[in-house]
Structure formats: C-alpha cells, structure tokens
C-alpha cells in the first residue's frame, strides 16, 4: 500500500510517518524540511499537490498539515490560505486524479469550549458549536469533505483529536499544554518545576503517539489491501465492547 502524508514534519505527522513506514510505502511531504521528509510542498499551491500525487499515485492521502489555534488567530489570512484552501486543494487533487481516499485530522475544537459541556460525553453526532476560528475552520473542512464525497465520488474521512501532548510540544508555542513528559521527568529526577496552570485546570491525556496510531488504524481499515484489515479484525474482534454499525 502507498501512503502520502502531507504534513509529515509536523507534531502529529512525524510519529505517524514512523508508524506507517513499518508496513506501507510511505512518502512524507511537508512545507519544511524535517525528520524523514521526502519532498517539500506547500499545500497552498495546488500545482505542487497535483505533481506529488500524480507521481506517487498513493492508495491513501493523509493530511496533518494545519495552522494551530494561536497561529490561526494571529494570522487569519494565512490560516484561510493554509487550513481552508490548502485542505481543499488536496481534496480536489485527489478527486481529479481518481485517488478518492483521503484521511485528515480534525479536532475536538469543533464542539466548542470544554467549559460548555464539562463532563458530558460527546460522540461524532454531537452538535458542533466551535468558539474559535481554528475550530470553525475544522468544521468547514468536514463540510467540504461531505460535499466532495457526495458530488465527486471521493472517500474522505476525518478523525477528531483533542489536545495531544508529548515530546516537542512547548508551552510557549502551543499555549497551555507543555509536555507531560516534562512533569514525569521532574518527578523521576526529584526536580522542582513550576506549572503554568491553576489548580482547577482540566486536561485531556492523549499522547501524540497514540493519536498517530489512530491514524494508522484508519489506513489499515480503509486501505485497499484486504489482508491487513483481516488480520486487524481477527486480532481485536474479541476485545470490542461497543460496536456501532
């Protein structure tokens, strides 16, 4: 199976590429050079997306490239170019080239602020009430995916991640969720650290490696190769507790 990861040098893209290369012919593409990047592209430029996808002809395109919440708020024009036009460029190229299958990372931000629902359980059918520009752009991406699936014969799916943590996610850059690895290391080494949160702060514990692994499961279950799907189902069928068909 051939996979192209657009955003392969990013926070989520890097661990995903490492996982995929264990079982798939994976091309990592990113705007900047980084670990394991095979080709530099700018998703704001449709011709670069077309050239890459036409050359590789992947079975699955994965998009993790995105401007995050702070950057989106600070530079909305660039955010529209990247998060809206850039994502749509990938959808259109996949449709035009007959690739069809695209997986992209959405966000729990589509549901709005956690203060609005507190302990309420949410699923993919819960109403979307985003409160940030970033969340509203994710909702638009999901709507565009539905449009392409309905009118262009594509098979575009998203999965929503909320606040993943892990190595290289700094408080200064991302605002509010420094790596929990730092806290664990401080406890191990008996170091004293000052955390930039109040005692009432609530957090989600989703490690970036686990978020990447979810994407890898999508590749296995949605890829064209039957054998990986069969092995995955056989290995995990007995552990299923809630099955939604």
Protein backbone atom coordinates (compact mmCIF):
# COMPACT_ATOMS: atom_id res chain seq x y z
CA UNK A 1 0.00 0.00 0.00
CA UNK A 2 1.24 3.50 -0.87
CA UNK A 3 0.57 6.40 1.51
CA UNK A 4 1.38 10.11 1.22
CA UNK A 5 1.45 12.07 4.49
CA UNK A 6 1.01 15.80 3.88
CA UNK A 7 2.48 17.48 6.94
CA UNK A 8 4.98 14.72 7.65
CA UNK A 9 7.38 17.03 9.52
CA UNK A 10 4.71 18.25 11.93
CA UNK A 11 3.94 17.36 15.52
CA UNK A 12 1.47 14.62 14.58
CA UNK A 13 2.95 13.83 11.18
CA UNK A 14 6.37 12.71 12.42
CA UNK A 15 5.21 9.82 14.65
CA UNK A 16 2.60 8.85 12.06
CA UNK A 17 5.22 8.54 9.31
CA UNK A 18 7.39 6.38 11.59
CA UNK A 19 4.46 4.04 12.26
CA UNK A 20 3.33 3.81 8.64
CA UNK A 21 6.80 3.01 7.32
CA UNK A 22 6.65 -0.22 9.28
CA UNK A 23 4.08 -1.66 6.88
CA UNK A 24 3.43 0.76 4.00
CA UNK A 25 5.34 2.50 1.23
CA UNK A 26 5.14 5.97 2.75
CA UNK A 27 6.08 9.36 1.29
CA UNK A 28 6.43 12.20 3.79
CA UNK A 29 5.73 15.67 2.37
CA UNK A 30 5.98 18.93 4.27
CA UNK A 31 6.48 22.64 3.76
CA UNK A 32 9.66 22.50 5.81
CA UNK A 33 12.48 20.04 5.96
CA UNK A 34 12.46 17.71 8.91
CA UNK A 35 12.96 14.17 10.10
CA UNK A 36 12.15 11.72 7.31
CA UNK A 37 10.73 14.31 4.87
CA UNK A 38 10.94 13.10 1.26
CA UNK A 39 9.58 16.15 -0.53
CA UNK A 40 8.90 19.77 0.32
CA UNK A 41 5.50 21.08 -0.78
CA UNK A 42 3.23 24.00 0.03
CA UNK A 43 -0.41 22.92 0.18
CA UNK A 44 -1.43 26.49 -0.66
CA UNK A 45 -0.11 25.81 -4.17
CA UNK A 46 -2.37 23.30 -5.95
CA UNK A 47 0.21 22.59 -8.67
CA UNK A 48 2.61 21.20 -6.06
CA UNK A 49 -0.08 18.91 -4.64
CA UNK A 50 -1.01 17.69 -8.14
CA UNK A 51 2.61 16.93 -9.07
CA UNK A 52 3.23 14.95 -5.89
CA UNK A 53 0.04 12.89 -6.00
CA UNK A 54 0.27 12.28 -9.75
CA UNK A 55 3.84 11.00 -9.35
CA UNK A 56 3.23 8.74 -6.34
CA UNK A 57 -0.38 7.64 -7.09
CA UNK A 58 -1.00 6.75 -3.42
CA UNK A 59 -3.76 4.50 -2.19
CA UNK A 60 -4.35 6.84 0.75
CA UNK A 61 -3.54 10.52 1.31
CA UNK A 62 -3.22 11.62 4.94
CA UNK A 63 -3.31 15.34 5.79
CA UNK A 64 -1.97 16.52 9.13
CA UNK A 65 -0.67 19.89 7.87
CA UNK A 66 -2.53 22.73 9.58
CA UNK A 67 -2.05 26.05 11.34
CA UNK A 68 -2.94 25.61 15.00
CA UNK A 69 -5.15 27.74 17.21
CA UNK A 70 -2.78 30.54 18.21
CA UNK A 71 -1.29 30.93 14.73
CA UNK A 72 -4.75 30.86 13.14
CA UNK A 73 -6.00 33.60 15.43
CA UNK A 74 -2.90 35.75 14.88
CA UNK A 75 -2.80 35.45 11.08
CA UNK A 76 -6.30 34.68 9.75
CA UNK A 77 -5.45 35.36 6.09
CA UNK A 78 -2.61 32.84 6.07
CA UNK A 79 -4.84 30.47 8.03
CA UNK A 80 -7.52 30.66 5.33
CA UNK A 81 -4.89 30.01 2.67
CA UNK A 82 -3.48 27.00 4.55
CA UNK A 83 -6.36 25.50 6.51
CA UNK A 84 -9.20 26.15 4.05
CA UNK A 85 -7.74 26.50 0.55
CA UNK A 86 -4.81 24.17 1.26
CA UNK A 87 -7.02 21.35 2.56
CA UNK A 88 -9.46 21.84 -0.32
CA UNK A 89 -6.56 21.71 -2.78
CA UNK A 90 -5.80 18.19 -1.51
CA UNK A 91 -9.46 17.15 -1.77
CA UNK A 92 -9.71 18.48 -5.34
CA UNK A 93 -6.45 16.91 -6.49
CA UNK A 94 -7.47 13.54 -5.06
CA UNK A 95 -10.83 13.79 -6.85
CA UNK A 96 -9.32 14.86 -10.18
CA UNK A 97 -6.68 12.12 -10.07
CA UNK A 98 -9.16 9.43 -9.08
CA UNK A 99 -7.39 8.69 -5.80
CA UNK A 100 -10.54 9.00 -3.76
CA UNK A 101 -9.33 8.09 -0.27
CA UNK A 102 -8.21 10.92 1.99
CA UNK A 103 -7.87 10.93 5.79
CA UNK A 104 -7.41 14.24 7.58
CA UNK A 105 -7.01 15.27 11.20
CA UNK A 106 -9.92 17.27 12.57
CA UNK A 107 -10.20 18.41 16.19
CA UNK A 108 -12.32 18.30 19.32
CA UNK A 109 -12.40 22.09 18.92
CA UNK A 110 -15.40 21.61 16.61
CA UNK A 111 -17.50 21.06 19.75
CA UNK A 112 -16.50 24.36 21.36
CA UNK A 113 -15.06 25.06 24.78
CA UNK A 114 -14.88 22.19 27.26
CA UNK A 115 -16.43 24.58 29.80
CA UNK A 116 -19.66 24.40 27.79
CA UNK A 117 -20.17 20.67 28.28
CA UNK A 118 -17.97 19.77 31.28
CA UNK A 119 -18.39 16.04 32.00
CA UNK A 120 -20.92 15.45 29.21
CA UNK A 121 -19.95 12.59 26.89
CA UNK A 122 -19.65 13.57 23.25
CA UNK A 123 -19.63 11.47 20.09
CA UNK A 124 -19.42 12.30 16.40
CA UNK A 125 -23.16 13.04 16.28
CA UNK A 126 -22.98 15.77 18.93
CA UNK A 127 -23.70 19.28 17.56
CA UNK A 128 -20.69 21.33 16.50
CA UNK A 129 -20.52 24.73 18.25
CA UNK A 130 -16.93 25.92 17.75
CA UNK A 131 -15.90 29.03 19.64
CA UNK A 132 -12.52 29.64 17.97
CA UNK A 133 -11.56 30.45 14.41
CA UNK A 134 -9.48 27.26 14.39
CA UNK A 135 -12.49 25.14 15.38
CA UNK A 136 -14.70 26.84 12.80
CA UNK A 137 -12.16 26.04 10.08
CA UNK A 138 -12.17 22.37 11.11
CA UNK A 139 -15.97 22.33 10.81
CA UNK A 140 -15.67 23.85 7.33
CA UNK A 141 -13.13 21.14 6.35
CA UNK A 142 -15.55 18.44 7.49
CA UNK A 143 -18.36 20.06 5.50
CA UNK A 144 -16.17 20.24 2.40
CA UNK A 145 -15.31 16.55 2.81
CA UNK A 146 -19.02 15.71 2.88
CA UNK A 147 -19.53 17.79 -0.27
CA UNK A 148 -16.72 16.05 -2.16
CA UNK A 149 -17.94 12.62 -1.06
CA UNK A 150 -21.46 13.41 -2.23
CA UNK A 151 -20.61 15.06 -5.55
CA UNK A 152 -17.15 13.89 -6.63
CA UNK A 153 -17.11 10.23 -5.62
CA UNK A 154 -14.31 10.63 -3.09
CA UNK A 155 -13.91 8.76 0.18
CA UNK A 156 -12.72 11.45 2.60
CA UNK A 157 -12.88 10.85 6.34
CA UNK A 158 -11.70 12.75 9.39
CA UNK A 159 -10.98 11.89 12.98
CA UNK A 160 -11.13 14.37 15.84
CA UNK A 161 -8.22 14.67 18.25
CA UNK A 162 -8.24 16.82 21.38
CA UNK A 163 -5.12 18.34 22.88
CA UNK A 164 -2.49 15.66 22.29
CA UNK A 165 0.67 16.01 24.33
CA UNK A 166 4.15 14.58 24.01
CA UNK A 167 7.74 15.36 23.24
CA UNK A 168 8.42 18.69 21.43
CA UNK A 169 5.10 20.37 22.32
CA UNK A 170 6.20 23.50 24.14
CA UNK A 171 4.10 25.72 26.39
CA UNK A 172 5.49 28.82 24.70
CA UNK A 173 4.45 27.67 21.23
CA UNK A 174 1.15 25.95 21.89
CA UNK A 175 -0.09 27.86 24.93
CA UNK A 176 -1.20 25.87 27.93
CA UNK A 177 -0.17 22.26 27.40
CA UNK A 178 3.55 21.73 27.85
CA UNK A 179 4.66 18.11 27.54
CA UNK A 180 3.51 15.97 30.40
CA UNK A 181 6.77 14.14 29.77
CA UNK A 182 8.45 17.13 31.45
CA UNK A 183 6.35 16.66 34.58
CA UNK A 184 7.09 12.94 34.70
CA UNK A 185 10.82 13.56 34.22
CA UNK A 186 10.82 16.13 37.02
CA UNK A 187 9.14 13.68 39.40
CA UNK A 188 11.60 10.97 38.45
CA UNK A 189 14.63 13.21 38.95
CA UNK A 190 13.17 14.94 42.03
CA UNK A 191 13.44 18.31 40.34
CA UNK A 192 11.27 21.28 41.31
CA UNK A 193 9.21 22.79 38.48
CA UNK A 194 6.54 25.49 38.35
CA UNK A 195 3.50 24.59 36.26
CA UNK A 196 1.73 27.42 34.39
CA UNK A 197 -1.77 26.19 35.34
CA UNK A 198 -4.22 26.80 38.14
CA UNK A 199 -5.29 24.01 40.46
CA UNK A 200 -8.67 23.92 38.71
CA UNK A 201 -7.26 23.31 35.22
CA UNK A 202 -8.64 20.25 33.42
CA UNK A 203 -6.67 18.28 30.83
CA UNK A 204 -7.07 15.55 28.26
CA UNK A 205 -4.48 12.80 28.35
CA UNK A 206 -3.95 11.84 24.71
CA UNK A 207 -0.35 11.18 23.78
CA UNK A 208 0.69 12.21 20.28
CA UNK A 209 2.00 8.69 19.60
CA UNK A 210 -1.48 7.31 20.36
CA UNK A 211 -3.09 9.93 18.12
CA UNK A 212 -0.75 8.83 15.33
CA UNK A 213 -1.64 5.20 15.98
CA UNK A 214 -5.34 6.02 15.48
CA UNK A 215 -4.49 7.36 12.05
CA UNK A 216 -2.55 4.19 11.30
CA UNK A 217 -5.65 2.13 12.17
CA UNK A 218 -7.58 4.18 9.59
CA UNK A 219 -5.01 3.23 6.96
CA UNK A 220 -5.39 -0.46 7.74
CA UNK A 221 -9.18 -0.44 7.87
CA UNK A 222 -9.67 1.81 4.84
CA UNK A 223 -6.76 0.78 2.66
CA UNK A 224 -7.17 -1.32 -0.48
CA UNK A 225 -5.29 -4.33 0.91
CA UNK A 226 -7.67 -6.94 2.35
CA UNK A 227 -5.10 -8.93 4.33
CA UNK A 228 -4.12 -6.15 6.81
CA UNK A 229 -7.84 -5.49 7.50
CA UNK A 230 -8.47 -9.18 8.04
CA UNK A 231 -5.55 -9.55 10.46
CA UNK A 232 -6.56 -6.43 12.40
CA UNK A 233 -10.15 -7.62 12.81
CA UNK A 234 -9.06 -11.12 13.83
CA UNK A 235 -6.64 -9.70 16.40
CA UNK A 236 -9.05 -7.25 18.02
CA UNK A 237 -12.58 -8.60 17.46
CA UNK A 238 -12.86 -10.26 20.88
CA UNK A 239 -11.91 -7.07 22.73
CA UNK A 240 -14.70 -4.96 21.17
CA UNK A 241 -17.19 -3.64 23.74
CA UNK A 242 -19.22 -1.07 21.79
CA UNK A 243 -19.76 -1.70 18.08
CA UNK A 244 -21.55 0.95 16.01
CA UNK A 245 -22.56 -0.27 12.54
